[in-house]
Amino acid sequence: MHLVELVRELLLGVQEADKLGGNRTQLHIVEQFRRLHPSSFEGTTNPLDAEEWHQELEKVFTFINFTDDQKVACVVFMLKGLDICGK
């Protein structure tokens, strides 16, 4: 599965969870994540660049012990120039 498709699918799951009352919690999680100044991802044709970015983010996520859903909520804000919502 392509990275953009995977993130899109995971984002839909996070959005569904937010509808059940998790909006304020998700906002707090994203704010906590952004305080660590993770790098953004602007797309590349080199898969090694994407892997390096992913490994950098995993270090942050391990440090703050996020769940997979929380990781997706944070990663969405770090993708630049990618049409992850299909708009």
C-alpha atoms as a PDB file:
ATOM      1  CA  MET A   1       0.000   0.000   0.000  1.00  0.00           C
ATOM      2  CA  HIS A   2       1.307   3.459  -0.895  1.00  0.00           C
ATOM      3  CA  LEU A   3       2.259   5.726   2.051  1.00  0.00           C
ATOM      4  CA  VAL A   4      -0.366   8.346   1.167  1.00  0.00           C
ATOM      5  CA  GLU A   5      -3.108   5.709   0.930  1.00  0.00           C
ATOM      6  CA  LEU A   6      -2.080   4.211   4.260  1.00  0.00           C
ATOM      7  CA  VAL A   7      -2.134   7.593   6.001  1.00  0.00           C
ATOM      8  CA  ARG A   8      -5.496   8.413   4.390  1.00  0.00           C
ATOM      9  CA  GLU A   9      -6.981   5.150   5.680  1.00  0.00           C
ATOM     10  CA  LEU A  10      -5.588   5.666   9.175  1.00  0.00           C
ATOM     11  CA  LEU A  11      -6.765   9.275   9.214  1.00  0.00           C
ATOM     12  CA  LEU A  12     -10.316   8.159   8.517  1.00  0.00           C
ATOM     13  CA  GLY A  13     -10.120   5.901  11.569  1.00  0.00           C
ATOM     14  CA  VAL A  14      -8.878   8.767  13.727  1.00  0.00           C
ATOM     15  CA  GLN A  15     -11.661  11.011  12.447  1.00  0.00           C
ATOM     16  CA  GLU A  16     -14.232   8.388  13.401  1.00  0.00           C
ATOM     17  CA  ALA A  17     -12.744   8.166  16.902  1.00  0.00           C
ATOM     18  CA  ASP A  18     -12.887  11.968  17.176  1.00  0.00           C
ATOM     19  CA  LYS A  19     -16.616  11.881  16.427  1.00  0.00           C
ATOM     20  CA  LEU A  20     -17.009   9.790  19.560  1.00  0.00           C
ATOM     21  CA  GLY A  21     -15.637  12.574  21.768  1.00  0.00           C
ATOM     22  CA  GLY A  22     -11.862  12.475  21.452  1.00  0.00           C
ATOM     23  CA  ASN A  23     -11.325  15.910  19.860  1.00  0.00           C
ATOM     24  CA  ARG A  24      -9.912  17.664  22.916  1.00  0.00           C
ATOM     25  CA  THR A  25      -7.624  14.749  23.719  1.00  0.00           C
ATOM     26  CA  GLN A  26      -6.355  14.569  20.129  1.00  0.00           C
ATOM     27  CA  LEU A  27      -5.616  18.300  20.179  1.00  0.00           C
ATOM     28  CA  HIS A  28      -3.564  17.905  23.367  1.00  0.00           C
ATOM     29  CA  ILE A  29      -1.651  14.997  21.832  1.00  0.00           C
ATOM     30  CA  VAL A  30      -0.810  16.919  18.661  1.00  0.00           C
ATOM     31  CA  GLU A  31       0.290  19.952  20.696  1.00  0.00           C
ATOM     32  CA  GLN A  32       2.563  17.751  22.832  1.00  0.00           C
ATOM     33  CA  PHE A  33       4.034  16.192  19.686  1.00  0.00           C
ATOM     34  CA  ARG A  34       4.651  19.532  17.944  1.00  0.00           C
ATOM     35  CA  ARG A  35       6.502  20.908  20.986  1.00  0.00           C
ATOM     36  CA  LEU A  36       9.269  18.416  20.156  1.00  0.00           C
ATOM     37  CA  HIS A  37       9.732  20.082  16.723  1.00  0.00           C
ATOM     38  CA  PRO A  38       9.632  16.978  14.528  1.00  0.00           C
ATOM     39  CA  SER A  39      10.564  17.418  10.890  1.00  0.00           C
ATOM     40  CA  SER A  40       7.879  17.605   8.245  1.00  0.00           C
ATOM     41  CA  PHE A  41       7.696  15.406   5.169  1.00  0.00           C
ATOM     42  CA  GLU A  42       7.340  17.124   1.813  1.00  0.00           C
ATOM     43  CA  GLY A  43       7.380  14.067  -0.398  1.00  0.00           C
ATOM     44  CA  THR A  44      10.236  12.505  -2.280  1.00  0.00           C
ATOM     45  CA  THR A  45      11.001  10.023  -5.013  1.00  0.00           C
ATOM     46  CA  ASN A  46      13.663   8.447  -2.810  1.00  0.00           C
ATOM     47  CA  PRO A  47      12.203   5.781  -0.520  1.00  0.00           C
ATOM     48  CA  LEU A  48      15.222   6.075   1.778  1.00  0.00           C
ATOM     49  CA  ASP A  49      14.262   9.680   2.572  1.00  0.00           C
ATOM     50  CA  ALA A  50      10.788   8.534   3.604  1.00  0.00           C
ATOM     51  CA  GLU A  51      12.234   5.720   5.719  1.00  0.00           C
ATOM     52  CA  GLU A  52      14.653   8.110   7.450  1.00  0.00           C
ATOM     53  CA  TRP A  53      11.774  10.485   8.245  1.00  0.00           C
ATOM     54  CA  HIS A  54       9.687   7.596   9.555  1.00  0.00           C
ATOM     55  CA  GLN A  55      12.513   6.399  11.820  1.00  0.00           C
ATOM     56  CA  GLU A  56      12.965   9.931  13.190  1.00  0.00           C
ATOM     57  CA  LEU A  57       9.264  10.127  14.048  1.00  0.00           C
ATOM     58  CA  GLU A  58       9.301   6.693  15.677  1.00  0.00           C
ATOM     59  CA  LYS A  59      11.996   7.925  18.067  1.00  0.00           C
ATOM     60  CA  VAL A  60       9.690  10.761  19.121  1.00  0.00           C
ATOM     61  CA  PHE A  61       6.704   8.421  19.444  1.00  0.00           C
ATOM     62  CA  THR A  62       8.708   5.963  21.544  1.00  0.00           C
ATOM     63  CA  PHE A  63       9.796   8.796  23.818  1.00  0.00           C
ATOM     64  CA  ILE A  64       6.241   9.966  24.459  1.00  0.00           C
ATOM     65  CA  ASN A  65       4.624   6.501  24.194  1.00  0.00           C
ATOM     66  CA  PHE A  66       1.811   7.240  21.727  1.00  0.00           C
ATOM     67  CA  THR A  67      -0.718   4.699  20.469  1.00  0.00           C
ATOM     68  CA  ASP A  68      -1.003   4.044  16.726  1.00  0.00           C
ATOM     69  CA  ASP A  69      -4.100   6.270  16.471  1.00  0.00           C
ATOM     70  CA  GLN A  70      -2.274   9.087  18.252  1.00  0.00           C
ATOM     71  CA  LYS A  71       0.695   8.696  15.904  1.00  0.00           C
ATOM     72  CA  VAL A  72      -1.556   9.070  12.869  1.00  0.00           C
ATOM     73  CA  ALA A  73      -3.173  12.196  14.287  1.00  0.00           C
ATOM     74  CA  CYS A  74       0.282  13.740  14.671  1.00  0.00           C
ATOM     75  CA  VAL A  75       1.755  12.589  11.357  1.00  0.00           C
ATOM     76  CA  VAL A  76      -1.086  14.154   9.379  1.00  0.00           C
ATOM     77  CA  PHE A  77       0.131  17.578  10.477  1.00  0.00           C
ATOM     78  CA  MET A  78       3.691  16.814   9.351  1.00  0.00           C
ATOM     79  CA  LEU A  79       2.861  15.923   5.726  1.00  0.00           C
ATOM     80  CA  LYS A  80       3.240  18.832   3.333  1.00  0.00           C
ATOM     81  CA  GLY A  81       2.133  18.962  -0.275  1.00  0.00           C
ATOM     82  CA  LEU A  82       0.429  15.556  -0.225  1.00  0.00           C
ATOM     83  CA  ASP A  83      -3.275  15.133  -0.898  1.00  0.00           C
ATOM     84  CA  ILE A  84      -4.005  12.778   1.999  1.00  0.00           C
ATOM     85  CA  CYS A  85      -7.678  13.643   2.317  1.00  0.00           C
ATOM     86  CA  GLY A  86      -8.468  12.995  -1.329  1.00  0.00           C
ATOM     87  CA  LYS A  87      -9.682  16.548  -1.944  1.00  0.00           C
END
